[in-house]
């Protein structure tokens, strides 16, 4: 792009139940990170799911400081019963609090 851009307001949360131990995180994206002119950003959300609940809902979002009207938001339900887990892996033993 034509300028440096700063990532801000990175927000990730488990929506139904507010369980901190199920909060996903971003890999390659953090508050205050600067994307320099001409560079690109490669990031992904890293979630996992439990086996004891039937469905989980997650929210992931961030802003670009220099473009205040832009918010990148992704919200998803993961349903363990219908087989549409979208590649979200099962949590490893000891990974959750």
N, C-alpha and C. Protein backbone atom coordinates (compact mmCIF):
# COMPACT_ATOMS: atom_id res chain seq x y z
N UNK A 1 0.83 -1.18 0.00
CA UNK A 1 0.00 0.00 0.00
C UNK A 1 0.88 1.25 0.00
N UNK A 2 0.27 2.39 0.15
CA UNK A 2 0.95 3.67 0.00
C UNK A 2 1.47 4.26 1.30
N UNK A 3 1.31 3.54 2.42
CA UNK A 3 1.74 4.07 3.71
C UNK A 3 1.93 2.92 4.70
N UNK A 4 2.44 3.24 5.88
CA UNK A 4 2.52 2.26 6.96
C UNK A 4 1.15 2.20 7.64
N UNK A 5 0.76 1.00 8.07
CA UNK A 5 -0.51 0.81 8.75
C UNK A 5 -0.29 0.07 10.06
N UNK A 6 -1.05 0.45 11.09
CA UNK A 6 -0.89 -0.10 12.43
C UNK A 6 -2.13 -0.90 12.83
N UNK A 7 -1.91 -2.12 13.31
CA UNK A 7 -3.00 -2.96 13.80
C UNK A 7 -3.37 -2.51 15.22
N UNK A 8 -4.67 -2.38 15.48
CA UNK A 8 -5.12 -2.03 16.83
C UNK A 8 -6.44 -2.73 17.14
N UNK A 9 -6.80 -2.69 18.41
CA UNK A 9 -8.07 -3.27 18.89
C UNK A 9 -8.25 -4.73 18.51
N UNK A 10 -7.17 -5.50 18.58
CA UNK A 10 -7.28 -6.93 18.33
C UNK A 10 -8.17 -7.52 19.41
N UNK A 11 -9.22 -8.21 18.99
CA UNK A 11 -10.20 -8.75 19.94
C UNK A 11 -10.55 -10.17 19.54
N UNK A 12 -10.38 -11.08 20.45
CA UNK A 12 -10.79 -12.47 20.23
C UNK A 12 -11.53 -12.93 21.48
N UNK A 13 -12.66 -13.60 21.30
CA UNK A 13 -13.39 -14.05 22.46
C UNK A 13 -14.32 -15.21 22.14
N UNK A 14 -14.60 -15.99 23.14
CA UNK A 14 -15.60 -17.05 23.10
C UNK A 14 -16.92 -16.36 23.45
N UNK A 15 -17.91 -16.43 22.57
CA UNK A 15 -19.13 -15.65 22.76
C UNK A 15 -20.14 -16.34 23.66
N UNK A 16 -20.51 -17.57 23.37
CA UNK A 16 -21.55 -18.23 24.17
C UNK A 16 -20.93 -18.82 25.43
N UNK A 17 -20.96 -18.05 26.49
CA UNK A 17 -20.43 -18.50 27.76
C UNK A 17 -19.23 -17.72 28.24
N UNK A 18 -18.58 -17.00 27.35
CA UNK A 18 -17.44 -16.17 27.74
C UNK A 18 -16.31 -16.95 28.38
N UNK A 19 -16.08 -18.14 27.91
CA UNK A 19 -15.07 -18.98 28.53
C UNK A 19 -13.66 -18.59 28.08
N UNK A 20 -12.88 -18.05 29.00
CA UNK A 20 -11.53 -17.62 28.65
C UNK A 20 -10.66 -18.78 28.16
N UNK A 21 -10.92 -19.98 28.68
CA UNK A 21 -10.10 -21.11 28.27
C UNK A 21 -10.42 -21.60 26.86
N UNK A 22 -11.45 -21.04 26.23
CA UNK A 22 -11.77 -21.37 24.85
C UNK A 22 -11.53 -20.21 23.90
N UNK A 23 -10.91 -19.16 24.37
CA UNK A 23 -10.66 -18.02 23.52
C UNK A 23 -9.57 -18.34 22.51
N UNK A 24 -9.86 -18.19 21.23
CA UNK A 24 -8.83 -18.41 20.22
C UNK A 24 -7.84 -17.26 20.22
N UNK A 25 -6.83 -17.32 19.39
CA UNK A 25 -5.86 -16.24 19.29
C UNK A 25 -5.45 -16.07 17.84
N UNK A 26 -4.84 -14.94 17.55
CA UNK A 26 -4.31 -14.71 16.20
C UNK A 26 -2.85 -15.10 16.18
N UNK A 27 -2.43 -15.79 15.13
CA UNK A 27 -1.02 -16.08 14.89
C UNK A 27 -0.57 -15.14 13.79
N UNK A 28 0.43 -14.29 14.10
CA UNK A 28 0.93 -13.34 13.12
C UNK A 28 0.24 -11.99 13.14
N UNK A 29 -0.53 -11.72 14.19
CA UNK A 29 -1.25 -10.45 14.29
C UNK A 29 -1.33 -10.04 15.76
N UNK A 30 -0.92 -8.79 16.07
CA UNK A 30 -0.99 -8.32 17.45
C UNK A 30 -1.17 -6.82 17.49
N UNK A 31 -1.70 -6.32 18.61
CA UNK A 31 -1.87 -4.88 18.79
C UNK A 31 -0.55 -4.16 18.61
N UNK A 32 -0.59 -3.04 17.91
CA UNK A 32 0.59 -2.22 17.72
C UNK A 32 1.50 -2.66 16.59
N UNK A 33 1.18 -3.78 15.97
CA UNK A 33 2.00 -4.27 14.86
C UNK A 33 1.89 -3.32 13.68
N UNK A 34 3.03 -2.98 13.08
CA UNK A 34 3.05 -2.07 11.94
C UNK A 34 3.31 -2.85 10.66
N UNK A 35 2.47 -2.62 9.67
CA UNK A 35 2.67 -3.18 8.34
C UNK A 35 3.31 -2.06 7.52
N UNK A 36 4.58 -2.22 7.21
CA UNK A 36 5.33 -1.17 6.51
C UNK A 36 4.89 -1.05 5.05
N UNK A 37 5.10 0.12 4.49
CA UNK A 37 4.75 0.38 3.10
C UNK A 37 5.33 -0.72 2.21
N UNK A 38 4.48 -1.31 1.38
CA UNK A 38 4.91 -2.34 0.45
C UNK A 38 4.91 -3.75 1.02
N UNK A 39 4.72 -3.90 2.33
CA UNK A 39 4.68 -5.23 2.92
C UNK A 39 3.25 -5.75 2.99
N UNK A 40 3.11 -7.04 3.17
CA UNK A 40 1.79 -7.63 3.37
C UNK A 40 1.77 -8.33 4.72
N UNK A 41 0.59 -8.74 5.14
CA UNK A 41 0.42 -9.37 6.44
C UNK A 41 -0.21 -10.74 6.23
N UNK A 42 0.41 -11.75 6.80
CA UNK A 42 -0.12 -13.11 6.73
C UNK A 42 -0.45 -13.53 8.16
N UNK A 43 -1.73 -13.75 8.44
CA UNK A 43 -2.14 -14.14 9.79
C UNK A 43 -3.26 -15.14 9.71
N UNK A 44 -3.50 -15.82 10.83
CA UNK A 44 -4.63 -16.73 10.91
C UNK A 44 -5.14 -16.79 12.34
N UNK A 45 -6.41 -17.16 12.48
CA UNK A 45 -6.98 -17.38 13.79
C UNK A 45 -6.67 -18.82 14.18
N UNK A 46 -6.32 -19.02 15.45
CA UNK A 46 -5.97 -20.35 15.93
C UNK A 46 -6.95 -20.74 17.03
N UNK A 47 -8.03 -21.42 16.67
CA UNK A 47 -9.00 -21.85 17.66
C UNK A 47 -8.88 -23.35 17.90
N UNK A 48 -9.57 -23.81 18.89
CA UNK A 48 -9.78 -25.25 19.06
C UNK A 48 -11.16 -25.42 19.67
N UNK A 49 -11.67 -26.63 19.64
CA UNK A 49 -13.01 -26.90 20.14
C UNK A 49 -12.95 -28.00 21.19
N UNK A 50 -13.92 -27.99 22.08
CA UNK A 50 -14.04 -29.04 23.09
C UNK A 50 -14.89 -30.17 22.52
N UNK A 51 -14.88 -31.27 23.20
CA UNK A 51 -15.75 -32.37 22.79
C UNK A 51 -16.97 -32.49 23.70
N UNK A 52 -16.98 -31.82 24.84
CA UNK A 52 -18.09 -31.96 25.78
C UNK A 52 -19.26 -31.04 25.49
N UNK A 53 -19.08 -30.03 24.66
CA UNK A 53 -20.17 -29.14 24.27
C UNK A 53 -20.52 -29.39 22.81
N UNK A 54 -21.76 -29.12 22.46
CA UNK A 54 -22.22 -29.37 21.10
C UNK A 54 -21.87 -28.25 20.13
N UNK A 55 -21.77 -27.02 20.62
CA UNK A 55 -21.49 -25.90 19.72
C UNK A 55 -20.72 -24.81 20.46
N UNK A 56 -19.89 -24.11 19.73
CA UNK A 56 -19.13 -22.98 20.27
C UNK A 56 -19.26 -21.82 19.30
N UNK A 57 -19.24 -20.58 19.83
CA UNK A 57 -19.29 -19.40 18.98
C UNK A 57 -18.12 -18.50 19.34
N UNK A 58 -17.40 -18.03 18.32
CA UNK A 58 -16.21 -17.21 18.51
C UNK A 58 -16.30 -15.90 17.74
N UNK A 59 -15.69 -14.86 18.29
CA UNK A 59 -15.60 -13.54 17.65
C UNK A 59 -14.12 -13.19 17.53
N UNK A 60 -13.72 -12.74 16.33
CA UNK A 60 -12.35 -12.29 16.09
C UNK A 60 -12.43 -11.00 15.28
N UNK A 61 -11.72 -9.94 15.71
CA UNK A 61 -11.76 -8.68 14.98
C UNK A 61 -10.52 -7.84 15.26
N UNK A 62 -10.27 -6.88 14.37
CA UNK A 62 -9.21 -5.90 14.57
C UNK A 62 -9.47 -4.69 13.68
N UNK A 63 -8.80 -3.57 13.99
CA UNK A 63 -8.89 -2.34 13.21
C UNK A 63 -7.52 -1.98 12.66
N UNK A 64 -7.55 -1.11 11.65
CA UNK A 64 -6.35 -0.48 11.13
C UNK A 64 -6.40 0.97 11.61
N UNK A 65 -5.45 1.37 12.43
CA UNK A 65 -5.45 2.69 13.07
C UNK A 65 -5.62 3.82 12.06
N UNK A 66 -4.92 3.74 10.94
CA UNK A 66 -4.93 4.83 9.96
C UNK A 66 -6.19 4.84 9.08
N UNK A 67 -7.00 3.79 9.16
CA UNK A 67 -8.26 3.73 8.42
C UNK A 67 -9.36 3.45 9.44
N UNK A 68 -9.76 4.46 10.18
CA UNK A 68 -10.64 4.29 11.34
C UNK A 68 -12.01 3.69 11.00
N UNK A 69 -12.46 3.85 9.77
CA UNK A 69 -13.78 3.33 9.40
C UNK A 69 -13.75 1.84 9.04
N UNK A 70 -12.59 1.22 9.07
CA UNK A 70 -12.45 -0.19 8.70
C UNK A 70 -12.27 -1.07 9.93
N UNK A 71 -13.16 -2.03 10.09
CA UNK A 71 -13.02 -3.06 11.12
C UNK A 71 -13.14 -4.41 10.43
N UNK A 72 -12.17 -5.27 10.64
CA UNK A 72 -12.21 -6.63 10.11
C UNK A 72 -12.81 -7.50 11.20
N UNK A 73 -13.93 -8.17 10.90
CA UNK A 73 -14.65 -8.98 11.89
C UNK A 73 -14.99 -10.34 11.31
N UNK A 74 -14.81 -11.37 12.14
CA UNK A 74 -15.20 -12.72 11.76
C UNK A 74 -15.85 -13.36 12.98
N UNK A 75 -17.09 -13.84 12.82
CA UNK A 75 -17.77 -14.56 13.88
C UNK A 75 -18.25 -15.88 13.30
N UNK A 76 -18.12 -16.94 14.09
CA UNK A 76 -18.48 -18.26 13.58
C UNK A 76 -19.01 -19.14 14.70
N UNK A 77 -20.00 -19.97 14.34
CA UNK A 77 -20.46 -21.04 15.21
C UNK A 77 -19.77 -22.31 14.74
N UNK A 78 -19.28 -23.08 15.66
CA UNK A 78 -18.72 -24.38 15.35
C UNK A 78 -19.64 -25.42 15.97
N UNK A 79 -20.25 -26.26 15.15
CA UNK A 79 -21.20 -27.25 15.63
C UNK A 79 -20.59 -28.64 15.53
N UNK A 80 -20.38 -29.26 16.66
CA UNK A 80 -19.73 -30.56 16.70
C UNK A 80 -20.62 -31.68 16.17
N UNK A 81 -21.92 -31.44 16.06
CA UNK A 81 -22.82 -32.51 15.63
C UNK A 81 -22.98 -32.63 14.12
N UNK A 82 -22.85 -31.53 13.39
CA UNK A 82 -23.17 -31.60 11.96
C UNK A 82 -21.96 -31.85 11.07
N UNK A 83 -20.77 -31.99 11.65
CA UNK A 83 -19.59 -32.31 10.86
C UNK A 83 -19.00 -31.14 10.10
N UNK A 84 -19.46 -29.92 10.35
CA UNK A 84 -18.94 -28.76 9.62
C UNK A 84 -18.01 -27.95 10.52
N UNK A 85 -16.96 -28.58 10.98
CA UNK A 85 -16.05 -27.90 11.90
C UNK A 85 -15.08 -26.97 11.19
N UNK A 86 -15.13 -26.92 9.89
CA UNK A 86 -14.35 -25.95 9.13
C UNK A 86 -12.86 -25.99 9.41
N UNK A 87 -12.33 -27.14 9.74
CA UNK A 87 -10.91 -27.26 9.97
C UNK A 87 -10.46 -26.88 11.37
N UNK A 88 -11.39 -26.53 12.24
CA UNK A 88 -11.00 -26.19 13.62
C UNK A 88 -10.71 -27.48 14.34
N UNK A 89 -9.53 -27.60 14.86
CA UNK A 89 -9.08 -28.84 15.46
C UNK A 89 -9.60 -29.02 16.88
N UNK A 90 -9.57 -30.25 17.34
CA UNK A 90 -9.94 -30.54 18.73
C UNK A 90 -8.82 -30.07 19.63
N UNK A 91 -9.16 -29.50 20.78
CA UNK A 91 -8.16 -29.03 21.75
C UNK A 91 -7.32 -30.20 22.25
N UNK A 92 -6.04 -29.94 22.43
CA UNK A 92 -5.14 -30.94 22.98
C UNK A 92 -5.33 -31.03 24.49
N UNK A 93 -5.01 -32.18 25.05
CA UNK A 93 -5.09 -32.36 26.50
C UNK A 93 -4.20 -31.34 27.19
N UNK A 94 -4.74 -30.64 28.19
CA UNK A 94 -3.97 -29.64 28.93
C UNK A 94 -3.89 -28.29 28.26
N UNK A 95 -4.44 -28.15 27.05
CA UNK A 95 -4.37 -26.86 26.34
C UNK A 95 -5.32 -25.84 26.94
N UNK A 96 -6.48 -26.31 27.43
CA UNK A 96 -7.44 -25.41 28.05
C UNK A 96 -7.20 -25.35 29.53
N UNK A 97 -7.54 -24.20 30.13
CA UNK A 97 -7.37 -24.04 31.58
C UNK A 97 -8.33 -24.94 32.35
